[in-house]
């Protein structure tokens, strides 16, 4: 990485993961296919002044060729979790799919609803994904819906230990952490996934 450019990700900024800020050029580790394009955008941002804009075509892929940093769960209170902020201008009754794996192999996956507008915080523990996450995963592939469109990403963290009460289920990610709403110490503030705005 060019030392004169602003850092695109910070290795081990948080335990177990990498964080992408998107304050300069598109990182070399992130690519797309199917005629889609990637640019750095100042339209909207959650942190800093810019975010990653993905203009996607039907079924195209956004690929992060990067060590995921997943580690088998050692503490049930802080499971390794994928985090990102996602901006969508208009609600869409379709899904965005995330595949984690080694190369083309898929070890763990999940899909989210795009029926929202504005910014949405996504926090998905690997233990709540389909399949089984393993050490050594080196790719995240995000698969576009059946319609072409635009998404903005900010603050992508591939894998990081997170308090198990923080990720909460809602209509975007209804499958995660069901115990958070039923256990005796359930989280009443709704966690990251219920926050949405058009900033």
N, C-alpha and C. Protein backbone atom coordinates (compact mmCIF):
# COMPACT_ATOMS: atom_id res chain seq x y z
N UNK A 1 0.84 -1.20 0.00
CA UNK A 1 0.00 0.00 0.00
C UNK A 1 0.88 1.25 0.00
N UNK A 2 0.51 2.22 -0.77
CA UNK A 2 1.28 3.46 -0.87
C UNK A 2 1.23 4.21 0.45
N UNK A 3 2.40 4.46 1.04
CA UNK A 3 2.44 5.14 2.34
C UNK A 3 1.96 6.57 2.27
N UNK A 4 1.96 7.16 1.06
CA UNK A 4 1.52 8.55 0.92
C UNK A 4 0.01 8.66 0.87
N UNK A 5 -0.68 7.55 0.68
CA UNK A 5 -2.15 7.58 0.64
C UNK A 5 -2.71 7.29 2.01
N UNK A 6 -3.92 7.75 2.22
CA UNK A 6 -4.57 7.50 3.50
C UNK A 6 -4.93 6.03 3.62
N UNK A 7 -4.73 5.47 4.77
CA UNK A 7 -4.93 4.04 4.96
C UNK A 7 -6.36 3.64 4.66
N UNK A 8 -6.54 2.60 3.85
CA UNK A 8 -7.86 2.12 3.48
C UNK A 8 -8.40 1.12 4.49
N UNK A 9 -7.53 0.38 5.09
CA UNK A 9 -7.96 -0.48 6.17
C UNK A 9 -6.82 -0.52 7.19
N UNK A 10 -7.15 -0.85 8.41
CA UNK A 10 -6.16 -0.86 9.47
C UNK A 10 -6.06 -2.28 10.02
N UNK A 11 -4.91 -2.89 9.83
CA UNK A 11 -4.74 -4.26 10.30
C UNK A 11 -4.79 -4.30 11.81
N UNK A 12 -5.64 -5.18 12.31
CA UNK A 12 -5.78 -5.39 13.75
C UNK A 12 -6.15 -4.11 14.49
N UNK A 13 -6.90 -3.23 13.85
CA UNK A 13 -7.41 -2.06 14.54
C UNK A 13 -8.29 -2.50 15.70
N UNK A 14 -9.07 -3.56 15.47
CA UNK A 14 -9.86 -4.20 16.51
C UNK A 14 -9.45 -5.66 16.56
N UNK A 15 -9.60 -6.32 17.71
CA UNK A 15 -9.19 -7.73 17.79
C UNK A 15 -9.93 -8.59 16.78
N UNK A 16 -9.17 -9.33 15.99
CA UNK A 16 -9.77 -10.32 15.10
C UNK A 16 -10.27 -9.81 13.77
N UNK A 17 -10.01 -8.57 13.40
CA UNK A 17 -10.61 -8.14 12.14
C UNK A 17 -9.94 -6.95 11.50
N UNK A 18 -10.45 -6.57 10.32
CA UNK A 18 -10.00 -5.41 9.57
C UNK A 18 -11.17 -4.45 9.43
N UNK A 19 -10.88 -3.17 9.41
CA UNK A 19 -11.92 -2.17 9.21
C UNK A 19 -11.61 -1.36 7.96
N UNK A 20 -12.59 -1.24 7.08
CA UNK A 20 -12.46 -0.43 5.87
C UNK A 20 -13.19 0.90 6.08
N UNK A 21 -12.49 2.01 5.80
CA UNK A 21 -13.05 3.35 6.01
C UNK A 21 -13.48 4.04 4.71
N UNK A 22 -12.82 3.75 3.60
CA UNK A 22 -13.18 4.31 2.28
C UNK A 22 -13.02 5.83 2.20
N UNK A 23 -11.92 6.34 2.75
CA UNK A 23 -11.68 7.78 2.71
C UNK A 23 -10.72 8.20 1.59
N UNK A 24 -10.34 7.25 0.74
CA UNK A 24 -9.46 7.60 -0.38
C UNK A 24 -9.88 6.78 -1.60
N UNK A 25 -8.98 6.06 -2.23
CA UNK A 25 -9.34 5.28 -3.40
C UNK A 25 -9.97 3.95 -2.99
N UNK A 26 -10.56 3.27 -3.98
CA UNK A 26 -11.11 1.95 -3.73
C UNK A 26 -9.96 1.00 -3.38
N UNK A 27 -10.02 0.29 -2.26
CA UNK A 27 -8.94 -0.62 -1.90
C UNK A 27 -8.71 -1.69 -2.96
N UNK A 28 -7.45 -2.07 -3.17
CA UNK A 28 -7.12 -3.06 -4.18
C UNK A 28 -7.71 -4.43 -3.87
N UNK A 29 -8.04 -4.67 -2.62
CA UNK A 29 -8.60 -5.97 -2.22
C UNK A 29 -10.08 -6.10 -2.55
N UNK A 30 -10.72 -5.03 -3.03
CA UNK A 30 -12.16 -5.06 -3.31
C UNK A 30 -12.39 -4.89 -4.81
N UNK A 31 -13.11 -5.84 -5.41
CA UNK A 31 -13.40 -5.81 -6.84
C UNK A 31 -14.88 -6.14 -7.08
N UNK A 32 -15.32 -5.95 -8.31
CA UNK A 32 -16.68 -6.31 -8.68
C UNK A 32 -16.66 -6.90 -10.09
N UNK A 33 -17.80 -7.49 -10.50
CA UNK A 33 -17.86 -8.11 -11.82
C UNK A 33 -19.21 -7.82 -12.46
N UNK A 34 -19.46 -8.45 -13.61
CA UNK A 34 -20.74 -8.34 -14.27
C UNK A 34 -21.10 -6.96 -14.78
N UNK A 35 -20.08 -6.15 -15.08
CA UNK A 35 -20.36 -4.80 -15.56
C UNK A 35 -20.68 -3.80 -14.47
N UNK A 36 -20.57 -4.20 -13.21
CA UNK A 36 -20.80 -3.29 -12.09
C UNK A 36 -19.58 -2.40 -11.89
N UNK A 37 -19.75 -1.30 -11.14
CA UNK A 37 -18.64 -0.38 -10.90
C UNK A 37 -18.52 -0.04 -9.43
N UNK A 38 -17.29 0.28 -9.02
CA UNK A 38 -16.99 0.70 -7.66
C UNK A 38 -16.33 2.07 -7.69
N UNK A 39 -16.80 2.98 -6.86
CA UNK A 39 -16.18 4.30 -6.73
C UNK A 39 -16.27 4.75 -5.28
N UNK A 40 -15.45 5.71 -4.93
CA UNK A 40 -15.56 6.35 -3.62
C UNK A 40 -16.52 7.53 -3.77
N UNK A 41 -17.52 7.58 -2.90
CA UNK A 41 -18.60 8.56 -3.03
C UNK A 41 -18.68 9.47 -1.81
N UNK A 42 -19.02 10.73 -2.05
CA UNK A 42 -19.26 11.67 -0.96
C UNK A 42 -20.75 11.96 -0.79
N UNK A 43 -21.61 11.17 -1.44
CA UNK A 43 -23.06 11.37 -1.31
C UNK A 43 -23.52 11.24 0.13
N UNK A 44 -23.08 10.16 0.78
CA UNK A 44 -23.47 9.86 2.15
C UNK A 44 -22.30 9.15 2.82
N UNK A 45 -22.17 9.30 4.13
CA UNK A 45 -21.12 8.61 4.88
C UNK A 45 -21.55 8.43 6.32
N UNK A 46 -21.10 7.34 6.93
CA UNK A 46 -21.35 7.11 8.35
C UNK A 46 -20.15 7.54 9.18
N UNK A 47 -18.97 7.42 8.63
CA UNK A 47 -17.75 7.81 9.34
C UNK A 47 -16.87 8.56 8.34
N UNK A 48 -16.37 9.72 8.74
CA UNK A 48 -15.59 10.50 7.79
C UNK A 48 -16.48 11.19 6.78
N UNK A 49 -15.95 11.35 5.55
CA UNK A 49 -16.66 12.11 4.53
C UNK A 49 -17.09 11.27 3.32
N UNK A 50 -16.67 10.01 3.25
CA UNK A 50 -16.93 9.24 2.04
C UNK A 50 -17.30 7.80 2.38
N UNK A 51 -17.82 7.11 1.38
CA UNK A 51 -18.18 5.70 1.51
C UNK A 51 -17.91 5.01 0.18
N UNK A 52 -18.10 3.70 0.14
CA UNK A 52 -17.89 2.92 -1.08
C UNK A 52 -19.21 2.78 -1.82
N UNK A 53 -19.26 3.27 -3.06
CA UNK A 53 -20.46 3.17 -3.88
C UNK A 53 -20.35 1.97 -4.83
N UNK A 54 -21.36 1.11 -4.78
CA UNK A 54 -21.42 -0.04 -5.67
C UNK A 54 -22.63 0.12 -6.58
N UNK A 55 -22.39 0.39 -7.85
CA UNK A 55 -23.45 0.40 -8.86
C UNK A 55 -23.49 -1.00 -9.45
N UNK A 56 -24.48 -1.78 -9.06
CA UNK A 56 -24.50 -3.19 -9.39
C UNK A 56 -25.51 -3.53 -10.48
N UNK A 57 -25.19 -4.58 -11.21
CA UNK A 57 -26.11 -5.14 -12.20
C UNK A 57 -26.75 -6.38 -11.59
N UNK A 58 -27.74 -6.91 -12.26
CA UNK A 58 -28.47 -8.07 -11.77
C UNK A 58 -27.52 -9.24 -11.46
N UNK A 59 -27.52 -9.69 -10.20
CA UNK A 59 -26.75 -10.85 -9.81
C UNK A 59 -25.25 -10.69 -9.81
N UNK A 60 -24.73 -9.47 -9.97
CA UNK A 60 -23.28 -9.27 -9.97
C UNK A 60 -22.72 -9.45 -8.57
N UNK A 61 -21.38 -9.45 -8.47
CA UNK A 61 -20.73 -9.74 -7.20
C UNK A 61 -19.78 -8.61 -6.79
N UNK A 62 -19.75 -8.34 -5.49
CA UNK A 62 -18.76 -7.48 -4.87
C UNK A 62 -17.87 -8.40 -4.05
N UNK A 63 -16.56 -8.41 -4.35
CA UNK A 63 -15.67 -9.41 -3.77
C UNK A 63 -14.58 -8.73 -2.94
N UNK A 64 -14.44 -9.15 -1.69
CA UNK A 64 -13.36 -8.70 -0.82
C UNK A 64 -12.38 -9.85 -0.67
N UNK A 65 -11.25 -9.76 -1.35
CA UNK A 65 -10.19 -10.77 -1.24
C UNK A 65 -9.28 -10.38 -0.09
N UNK A 66 -9.64 -10.82 1.08
CA UNK A 66 -9.00 -10.36 2.30
C UNK A 66 -9.15 -11.43 3.38
N UNK A 67 -8.11 -11.69 4.13
CA UNK A 67 -8.23 -12.59 5.27
C UNK A 67 -9.37 -12.11 6.16
N UNK A 68 -10.30 -13.00 6.44
CA UNK A 68 -11.48 -12.62 7.22
C UNK A 68 -11.13 -12.42 8.69
N UNK A 69 -10.25 -13.26 9.21
CA UNK A 69 -9.85 -13.12 10.61
C UNK A 69 -10.77 -13.84 11.58
N UNK A 70 -11.66 -14.70 11.07
CA UNK A 70 -12.55 -15.44 11.96
C UNK A 70 -11.76 -16.40 12.84
N UNK A 71 -12.17 -16.47 14.11
CA UNK A 71 -11.62 -17.44 15.04
C UNK A 71 -12.76 -18.19 15.70
N UNK A 72 -12.59 -19.51 15.91
CA UNK A 72 -13.65 -20.26 16.57
C UNK A 72 -14.01 -19.62 17.90
N UNK A 73 -15.26 -19.70 18.21
CA UNK A 73 -15.78 -19.01 19.38
C UNK A 73 -15.17 -19.55 20.67
N UNK A 74 -14.44 -18.71 21.37
CA UNK A 74 -13.85 -19.09 22.65
C UNK A 74 -14.69 -18.60 23.82
N UNK A 75 -15.46 -17.54 23.60
CA UNK A 75 -16.28 -16.95 24.65
C UNK A 75 -17.67 -16.70 24.09
N UNK A 76 -18.68 -17.39 24.61
CA UNK A 76 -20.04 -17.25 24.10
C UNK A 76 -20.56 -15.82 24.25
N UNK A 77 -19.98 -15.07 25.17
CA UNK A 77 -20.45 -13.70 25.40
C UNK A 77 -19.98 -12.73 24.33
N UNK A 78 -18.94 -13.12 23.57
CA UNK A 78 -18.41 -12.22 22.53
C UNK A 78 -18.13 -13.01 21.25
N UNK A 79 -19.16 -13.47 20.56
CA UNK A 79 -18.95 -14.23 19.33
C UNK A 79 -18.39 -13.37 18.21
N UNK A 80 -17.58 -13.96 17.36
CA UNK A 80 -17.06 -13.23 16.20
C UNK A 80 -18.22 -12.87 15.28
N UNK A 81 -18.22 -11.62 14.82
CA UNK A 81 -19.37 -11.03 14.14
C UNK A 81 -18.91 -10.20 12.95
N UNK A 82 -19.69 -10.24 11.87
CA UNK A 82 -19.47 -9.37 10.71
C UNK A 82 -20.27 -8.09 10.91
N UNK A 83 -19.63 -6.93 10.64
CA UNK A 83 -20.28 -5.63 10.81
C UNK A 83 -20.11 -4.77 9.57
N UNK A 84 -21.14 -4.03 9.22
CA UNK A 84 -21.01 -2.99 8.20
C UNK A 84 -22.18 -2.02 8.30
N UNK A 85 -22.00 -0.84 7.74
CA UNK A 85 -23.10 0.10 7.51
C UNK A 85 -23.43 0.05 6.03
N UNK A 86 -24.72 0.05 5.73
CA UNK A 86 -25.20 -0.09 4.36
C UNK A 86 -26.26 0.96 4.09
N UNK A 87 -26.09 1.71 2.98
CA UNK A 87 -27.05 2.76 2.61
C UNK A 87 -27.80 2.33 1.36
N UNK A 88 -29.14 2.44 1.44
CA UNK A 88 -29.99 2.10 0.30
C UNK A 88 -31.01 3.22 0.15
N UNK A 89 -31.14 3.77 -1.04
CA UNK A 89 -31.98 4.96 -1.23
C UNK A 89 -33.47 4.66 -1.12
N UNK A 90 -33.91 3.54 -1.70
CA UNK A 90 -35.33 3.21 -1.73
C UNK A 90 -35.53 1.75 -1.34
N UNK A 91 -36.58 1.45 -0.57
CA UNK A 91 -36.84 0.06 -0.20
C UNK A 91 -37.04 -0.82 -1.44
N UNK A 92 -36.52 -2.04 -1.36
CA UNK A 92 -36.61 -2.98 -2.47
C UNK A 92 -36.96 -4.35 -1.90
N UNK A 93 -37.97 -4.99 -2.42
CA UNK A 93 -38.42 -6.29 -1.91
C UNK A 93 -37.57 -7.41 -2.50
N UNK A 94 -36.27 -7.32 -2.24
CA UNK A 94 -35.32 -8.34 -2.69
C UNK A 94 -34.25 -8.50 -1.63
N UNK A 95 -33.32 -9.43 -1.87
CA UNK A 95 -32.31 -9.74 -0.86
C UNK A 95 -30.89 -9.54 -1.39
N UNK A 96 -30.00 -9.23 -0.45
CA UNK A 96 -28.57 -9.14 -0.70
C UNK A 96 -27.93 -10.30 0.05
N UNK A 97 -27.07 -11.06 -0.63
CA UNK A 97 -26.52 -12.28 -0.05
C UNK A 97 -25.01 -12.14 0.19
N UNK A 98 -24.56 -12.65 1.33
CA UNK A 98 -23.16 -12.58 1.74
C UNK A 98 -22.60 -14.00 1.87
N UNK A 99 -21.49 -14.29 1.18
CA UNK A 99 -20.82 -15.58 1.26
C UNK A 99 -19.41 -15.39 1.82
N UNK A 100 -19.07 -16.12 2.87
CA UNK A 100 -17.72 -16.13 3.42
C UNK A 100 -17.09 -17.49 3.12
N UNK A 101 -15.82 -17.50 2.69
CA UNK A 101 -15.20 -18.78 2.42
C UNK A 101 -13.74 -18.67 2.04
N UNK A 102 -13.20 -19.80 1.57
CA UNK A 102 -11.84 -19.86 1.06
C UNK A 102 -11.91 -19.96 -0.45
N UNK A 103 -11.42 -18.95 -1.13
CA UNK A 103 -11.53 -18.93 -2.58
C UNK A 103 -12.99 -18.97 -3.00
N UNK A 104 -13.31 -19.85 -3.94
CA UNK A 104 -14.68 -19.95 -4.43
C UNK A 104 -15.58 -20.77 -3.50
N UNK A 105 -14.99 -21.50 -2.56
CA UNK A 105 -15.79 -22.30 -1.63
C UNK A 105 -16.57 -21.39 -0.68
N UNK A 106 -17.77 -21.81 -0.32
CA UNK A 106 -18.60 -21.06 0.61
C UNK A 106 -18.71 -21.85 1.91
N UNK A 107 -18.25 -21.25 3.00
CA UNK A 107 -18.33 -21.90 4.31
C UNK A 107 -19.49 -21.39 5.15
N UNK A 108 -19.76 -20.10 5.08
CA UNK A 108 -20.84 -19.50 5.87
C UNK A 108 -21.51 -18.43 5.03
N UNK A 109 -22.83 -18.28 5.20
CA UNK A 109 -23.55 -17.31 4.37
C UNK A 109 -24.80 -16.80 5.08
N UNK A 110 -25.30 -15.67 4.61
CA UNK A 110 -26.58 -15.15 5.08
C UNK A 110 -27.11 -14.18 4.03
N UNK A 111 -28.39 -13.88 4.11
CA UNK A 111 -29.02 -12.90 3.23
C UNK A 111 -29.78 -11.89 4.08
N UNK A 112 -29.84 -10.64 3.59
CA UNK A 112 -30.59 -9.60 4.29
C UNK A 112 -31.64 -9.03 3.35
N UNK A 113 -32.69 -8.50 3.94
CA UNK A 113 -33.72 -7.81 3.17
C UNK A 113 -33.26 -6.41 2.81
N UNK A 114 -33.57 -5.98 1.60
CA UNK A 114 -33.29 -4.60 1.17
C UNK A 114 -34.52 -3.72 1.27
N UNK A 115 -35.49 -4.14 2.07
CA UNK A 115 -36.73 -3.37 2.23
C UNK A 115 -36.56 -2.25 3.26
N UNK A 116 -35.55 -1.41 3.04
CA UNK A 116 -35.30 -0.27 3.92
C UNK A 116 -34.72 0.87 3.10
N UNK A 117 -34.71 2.05 3.67
CA UNK A 117 -34.07 3.21 3.05
C UNK A 117 -33.20 3.90 4.07
N UNK A 118 -32.19 4.61 3.59
CA UNK A 118 -31.25 5.27 4.48
C UNK A 118 -30.16 4.31 4.92
N UNK A 119 -29.46 4.68 5.98
CA UNK A 119 -28.38 3.84 6.51
C UNK A 119 -28.95 2.73 7.38
N UNK A 120 -28.30 1.59 7.31
CA UNK A 120 -28.68 0.45 8.13
C UNK A 120 -27.42 -0.19 8.68
N UNK A 121 -27.38 -0.38 9.98
CA UNK A 121 -26.27 -1.09 10.60
C UNK A 121 -26.52 -2.58 10.55
N UNK A 122 -25.58 -3.34 10.03
CA UNK A 122 -25.71 -4.79 9.91
C UNK A 122 -24.69 -5.44 10.84
N UNK A 123 -25.16 -6.29 11.75
CA UNK A 123 -24.28 -7.02 12.67
C UNK A 123 -24.75 -8.47 12.70
N UNK A 124 -23.97 -9.36 12.10
CA UNK A 124 -24.38 -10.76 11.99
C UNK A 124 -23.29 -11.67 12.58
N UNK A 125 -23.55 -12.29 13.73
CA UNK A 125 -22.59 -13.25 14.28
C UNK A 125 -22.41 -14.44 13.33
N UNK A 126 -21.18 -14.92 13.21
CA UNK A 126 -20.93 -16.07 12.34
C UNK A 126 -21.71 -17.29 12.81
N UNK A 127 -21.95 -17.41 14.10
CA UNK A 127 -22.69 -18.57 14.60
C UNK A 127 -24.14 -18.58 14.13
N UNK A 128 -24.66 -17.43 13.68
CA UNK A 128 -26.04 -17.35 13.21
C UNK A 128 -26.15 -17.46 11.70
N UNK A 129 -25.04 -17.63 11.01
CA UNK A 129 -25.06 -17.78 9.55
C UNK A 129 -25.35 -19.23 9.18
N UNK A 130 -25.76 -19.45 7.94
CA UNK A 130 -25.90 -20.81 7.43
C UNK A 130 -24.51 -21.38 7.15
N UNK A 131 -24.36 -22.70 7.31
CA UNK A 131 -23.06 -23.31 7.13
C UNK A 131 -22.23 -23.19 8.40
N UNK A 132 -20.92 -23.31 8.24
CA UNK A 132 -20.02 -23.27 9.39
C UNK A 132 -18.76 -22.49 9.02
N UNK A 133 -18.56 -21.37 9.70
CA UNK A 133 -17.35 -20.57 9.48
C UNK A 133 -16.13 -21.33 9.98
N UNK A 134 -15.00 -21.15 9.29
CA UNK A 134 -13.76 -21.82 9.67
C UNK A 134 -12.61 -20.81 9.67
N UNK A 135 -11.56 -21.16 10.38
CA UNK A 135 -10.35 -20.34 10.31
C UNK A 135 -9.77 -20.43 8.90
N UNK A 136 -9.13 -19.37 8.47
CA UNK A 136 -8.48 -19.36 7.17
C UNK A 136 -9.36 -18.88 6.04
N UNK A 137 -10.60 -18.49 6.32
CA UNK A 137 -11.42 -17.91 5.25
C UNK A 137 -10.75 -16.65 4.74
N UNK A 138 -10.76 -16.47 3.41
CA UNK A 138 -10.02 -15.35 2.82
C UNK A 138 -10.82 -14.58 1.78
N UNK A 139 -12.14 -14.76 1.80
CA UNK A 139 -12.95 -14.03 0.82
C UNK A 139 -14.36 -13.79 1.36
N UNK A 140 -14.85 -12.58 1.11
CA UNK A 140 -16.27 -12.26 1.29
C UNK A 140 -16.81 -11.89 -0.08
N UNK A 141 -17.86 -12.58 -0.51
CA UNK A 141 -18.53 -12.28 -1.77
C UNK A 141 -19.95 -11.82 -1.48
N UNK A 142 -20.29 -10.63 -1.95
CA UNK A 142 -21.63 -10.08 -1.77
C UNK A 142 -22.34 -10.16 -3.11
N UNK A 143 -23.49 -10.82 -3.13
CA UNK A 143 -24.21 -11.07 -4.38
C UNK A 143 -25.40 -10.14 -4.50
N UNK A 144 -25.45 -9.42 -5.60
CA UNK A 144 -26.50 -8.42 -5.82
C UNK A 144 -27.86 -9.10 -6.01
N UNK A 145 -28.94 -8.34 -5.80
CA UNK A 145 -30.29 -8.87 -6.03
C UNK A 145 -30.59 -9.01 -7.52
N UNK A 146 -31.83 -9.35 -7.83
CA UNK A 146 -32.23 -9.57 -9.21
C UNK A 146 -32.44 -8.26 -9.98
N UNK A 147 -32.46 -7.16 -9.28
CA UNK A 147 -32.61 -5.85 -9.92
C UNK A 147 -31.30 -5.08 -9.85
N UNK A 148 -31.01 -4.28 -10.85
CA UNK A 148 -29.84 -3.40 -10.82
C UNK A 148 -30.10 -2.25 -9.86
N UNK A 149 -29.04 -1.66 -9.32
CA UNK A 149 -29.23 -0.56 -8.40
C UNK A 149 -27.93 -0.05 -7.82
N UNK A 150 -28.03 0.63 -6.68
CA UNK A 150 -26.88 1.24 -6.02
C UNK A 150 -26.93 0.99 -4.53
N UNK A 151 -25.78 0.67 -3.95
CA UNK A 151 -25.62 0.56 -2.51
C UNK A 151 -24.35 1.29 -2.10
N UNK A 152 -24.35 1.84 -0.90
CA UNK A 152 -23.17 2.45 -0.31
C UNK A 152 -22.78 1.65 0.93
N UNK A 153 -21.48 1.41 1.09
CA UNK A 153 -20.96 0.70 2.25
C UNK A 153 -20.03 1.62 3.03
N UNK A 154 -20.03 1.49 4.35
CA UNK A 154 -19.06 2.20 5.18
C UNK A 154 -18.73 1.33 6.39
N UNK A 155 -17.52 1.49 6.90
CA UNK A 155 -17.07 0.79 8.09
C UNK A 155 -17.31 -0.72 8.01
N UNK A 156 -16.73 -1.36 7.03
CA UNK A 156 -16.84 -2.82 6.95
C UNK A 156 -15.81 -3.45 7.88
N UNK A 157 -16.27 -4.29 8.79
CA UNK A 157 -15.38 -5.07 9.66
C UNK A 157 -15.70 -6.54 9.40
N UNK A 158 -14.73 -7.28 8.89
CA UNK A 158 -15.00 -8.64 8.46
C UNK A 158 -15.29 -9.58 9.62
N UNK A 159 -14.56 -9.47 10.70
CA UNK A 159 -14.79 -10.36 11.84
C UNK A 159 -14.21 -9.73 13.09
N UNK A 160 -15.04 -9.62 14.11
CA UNK A 160 -14.62 -9.00 15.36
C UNK A 160 -15.48 -9.55 16.50
N UNK A 161 -14.89 -9.78 17.69
CA UNK A 161 -15.70 -10.20 18.83
C UNK A 161 -16.65 -9.08 19.24
N UNK A 162 -17.92 -9.41 19.42
CA UNK A 162 -18.95 -8.44 19.76
C UNK A 162 -19.79 -8.97 20.92
N UNK A 163 -20.16 -8.10 21.83
CA UNK A 163 -21.07 -8.47 22.92
C UNK A 163 -22.31 -9.15 22.34
N UNK A 164 -22.63 -10.33 22.83
CA UNK A 164 -23.71 -11.12 22.24
C UNK A 164 -25.07 -10.45 22.35
N UNK A 165 -25.22 -9.44 23.20
CA UNK A 165 -26.51 -8.74 23.34
C UNK A 165 -26.69 -7.65 22.30
N UNK A 166 -25.61 -7.31 21.58
CA UNK A 166 -25.67 -6.17 20.66
C UNK A 166 -26.42 -6.48 19.37
N UNK A 167 -26.05 -7.53 18.62
CA UNK A 167 -26.81 -7.82 17.39
C UNK A 167 -28.24 -8.25 17.74
N UNK A 168 -29.23 -7.62 17.15
CA UNK A 168 -30.62 -7.94 17.45
C UNK A 168 -31.41 -8.20 16.18
N UNK A 169 -32.36 -9.13 16.22
CA UNK A 169 -33.15 -9.45 15.03
C UNK A 169 -34.17 -8.37 14.71
N UNK A 170 -34.42 -8.18 13.42
CA UNK A 170 -35.50 -7.31 12.96
C UNK A 170 -35.88 -7.75 11.56
N UNK A 171 -36.64 -6.95 10.82
CA UNK A 171 -37.11 -7.39 9.50
C UNK A 171 -36.00 -7.47 8.47
N UNK A 172 -34.87 -6.82 8.71
CA UNK A 172 -33.74 -6.90 7.78
C UNK A 172 -32.94 -8.18 8.02
N UNK A 173 -32.71 -8.51 9.30
CA UNK A 173 -31.96 -9.72 9.68
C UNK A 173 -32.74 -10.47 10.76
N UNK A 174 -33.87 -11.08 10.43
CA UNK A 174 -34.73 -11.70 11.44
C UNK A 174 -34.15 -12.96 12.06
N UNK A 175 -33.11 -13.52 11.46
CA UNK A 175 -32.58 -14.82 11.88
C UNK A 175 -31.53 -14.74 12.97
N UNK A 176 -31.04 -13.54 13.30
CA UNK A 176 -29.91 -13.46 14.22
C UNK A 176 -30.34 -13.43 15.68
N UNK A 177 -29.56 -14.06 16.51
CA UNK A 177 -29.58 -13.92 17.97
C UNK A 177 -31.00 -13.87 18.55
N UNK A 178 -31.83 -14.89 18.35
CA UNK A 178 -33.20 -14.84 18.87
C UNK A 178 -33.27 -14.73 20.38
N UNK A 179 -32.26 -15.23 21.09
CA UNK A 179 -32.30 -15.18 22.55
C UNK A 179 -32.24 -13.77 23.10
N UNK A 180 -31.77 -12.81 22.30
CA UNK A 180 -31.64 -11.45 22.80
C UNK A 180 -33.00 -10.84 23.14
N UNK A 181 -34.06 -11.34 22.52
CA UNK A 181 -35.40 -10.81 22.79
C UNK A 181 -36.22 -11.68 23.72
N UNK A 182 -35.66 -12.81 24.16
CA UNK A 182 -36.42 -13.71 25.02
C UNK A 182 -35.73 -14.01 26.34
N UNK A 183 -34.42 -13.81 26.41
CA UNK A 183 -33.69 -14.13 27.62
C UNK A 183 -33.98 -13.15 28.75
N UNK A 184 -33.66 -13.53 30.00
CA UNK A 184 -33.92 -12.65 31.14
C UNK A 184 -33.12 -11.37 31.12
N UNK A 185 -31.99 -11.36 30.41
CA UNK A 185 -31.16 -10.15 30.32
C UNK A 185 -31.26 -9.54 28.94
N UNK A 186 -32.43 -9.65 28.29
CA UNK A 186 -32.58 -9.19 26.92
C UNK A 186 -32.27 -7.70 26.79
N UNK A 187 -31.81 -7.34 25.60
CA UNK A 187 -31.38 -5.97 25.32
C UNK A 187 -32.58 -5.15 24.88
N UNK A 188 -32.94 -4.15 25.66
CA UNK A 188 -34.13 -3.36 25.37
C UNK A 188 -33.89 -2.24 24.38
N UNK A 189 -32.63 -1.89 24.09
CA UNK A 189 -32.40 -0.73 23.22
C UNK A 189 -32.42 -1.08 21.74
N UNK A 190 -32.50 -2.38 21.43
CA UNK A 190 -32.63 -2.77 20.02
C UNK A 190 -31.31 -2.94 19.29
N UNK A 191 -30.18 -2.54 19.90
CA UNK A 191 -28.89 -2.79 19.28
C UNK A 191 -28.68 -2.06 17.97
N UNK A 192 -27.72 -2.53 17.20
CA UNK A 192 -27.30 -1.82 16.00
C UNK A 192 -28.30 -1.93 14.86
N UNK A 193 -29.03 -3.04 14.77
CA UNK A 193 -29.79 -3.31 13.56
C UNK A 193 -31.06 -2.51 13.40
N UNK A 194 -31.51 -1.82 14.43
CA UNK A 194 -32.74 -1.06 14.27
C UNK A 194 -32.47 0.39 13.91
N UNK A 195 -31.23 0.79 13.85
CA UNK A 195 -30.92 2.18 13.52
C UNK A 195 -30.99 2.40 12.02
N UNK A 196 -31.71 3.43 11.63
CA UNK A 196 -31.79 3.76 10.21
C UNK A 196 -32.01 5.24 10.06
N UNK A 197 -31.30 5.85 9.13
CA UNK A 197 -31.52 7.26 8.84
C UNK A 197 -31.05 7.54 7.43
N UNK A 198 -31.31 8.72 6.97
CA UNK A 198 -30.97 9.07 5.58
C UNK A 198 -29.81 10.03 5.50
N UNK A 199 -28.94 10.03 6.51
CA UNK A 199 -27.82 10.97 6.52
C UNK A 199 -26.88 10.70 5.35
